[in-house]
Amino acid sequence: MRHFLFKNFNRIFASDHWIRWHFTKAGLLVLGGLITAGMFGIDTERTVAYQLFSLLGGLLLLAILNSLFFRVRLTAHRELPQFATVGQTLHYWVLVKNHSQKLEQSLSLRDNLKQELPSFKTFLQAKEPGHKKRNWFDNYVGYPRWLWLMQLSRGAEITEETLPPIPPGDIEIKMTLIPKRRGYVHFEKITFARPDPFGLFNAFYNFDKPDSLLILPKRYPVGEISLSGTRKYQRGGVQLAISVGDAEEFVSLREYRPGDPLRHIHWKSVAKMGKPLVKEYQDEFFVRHALILDTFTEQPFGELFETAVSVASSFASAPRSQDVLLDLMFAGTQAYCFSSGRGLGQTDKLLEILACVQACTDKDFQCLYPLLMEHLGSLSGCVCILLNWNDERQNFVQLLQKSGIPLLVVVISDIELEIEQTDVHIVHPNAITEDLSNILGNPKT
């Protein structure tokens, strides 16, 4: 039964979208009157509602026929920023060009985002915000959840803009976009709309204009994180961190070995000796922190996971010394480790990665152990963002504690948990700013 309903959701949605897309507010009123008059005008001998039905039907028919002759010679080009952020309204510009010699009037501009239908498996696994407050029927049928998934697929809402009269040449139009989720949003086509003379039905002129914009996770105010870690030896030295730490420019020259970076070749010596020589650097000692994100959950679009990503993004973008490296560790199709710091890349790179990270539903938490053990000896401190506080995660935290690494553990939970450890803190999805402020002593704004 649910599978049958799921298959028909798209037909219902497409029909509703077509009506709202084509009919103006006045047109919807006329359409409602047409349907009502049709219901009451069946018996033509007892009522004159059929006359109203004929009149309204004729008006809509003329309006629809008029839309078939709509033609304009317009093009448009978007000027998008590099990034946007969830929950923060974004304004961008669309350059509209009139290729004809006449003034184009009474137009509106609609920018269209791509959306894909959710799979039935995703539909069953997903839990939309507020589902616990819905009645049994809505939760079983799931149409509100399906609408929410369609909104997530689209990724943002773009307001329709009424255009001023467009003379021959160019004109800039300010558009408003409201990001609804992190990740890429994909633009499809740009649409110019004009209502018929009665103002009932919109005629459209569409042209394809693919584009994309990366939406970064929502972030919260977080001050500098104080972890009392010491500098550790980093394998690879300056080759890894360039100018971070205690190394001087170089120690000596030696013969080139396969795998040495080309930027370390000492070209003046090559010219004199006739063979490649490279600069050899001394070992590096500097501070390195790990930011471990728990991605293991059964709900790929769950509120807890999105909160965890936002908290991780807040820590990743927190101010820190230029001599501190930060490793972002998480597991997806495999275990990943991305580094940020002086000489290795900036915070924006970590935020781009977090914008696209997905929940891991087919592996268990132990997948993080090999990645952690590989880097454990070089870490000066660790921040863990966890989705649960079960035995697996407690054992993971105990392993870090036994290694002597300073820890800050944040558990994302929508229920109250009793945790006695002082370095383990709880963040609730509905009180993120307040909980982070309590943990780190940061201002709430």
Foldseek 3Di string as FASTA:
>chain_A
DLVVLLVCLVVVVVVVCVCPVWWDPVQVVLVVLLVVLVVVCPPVVPDVSVVSNVVSVVVVVVQVVVLVPDDFQKDKDWDDDQEAAAQDKDKTKIKMAGADQDKDAQKKKDWAWDFDQDDPVLQVQADDPPNVVDDPVCNSNVSVVRVVNRCVRQFKDKDMGHDHTDHHTIDMDMIMIHGHAFAKIKTFKMWMWHGDPVNTTIHIDIDTDIDMHGYFYAAFAAADDDWPFFWAWDPPACVQQVPAADKDNADDKDADDPPDDPVQWPVVVCVVVVGTIGGHIDIGTFAEEEEEQEQEDQNFPDLLNSVSLRHSLNNLPHDDDLNYKYWYWYAAVATDIAIAHHRRHHSVVVRSVSSPDIHHHPDDPCRCVVVCVVCVRRHRAYEYEAADDDPVVVVVVVVSVVSVHGYAYEYEDQDDDDDDDPRYFYAYSVQRLVRSCVNRVDDSD
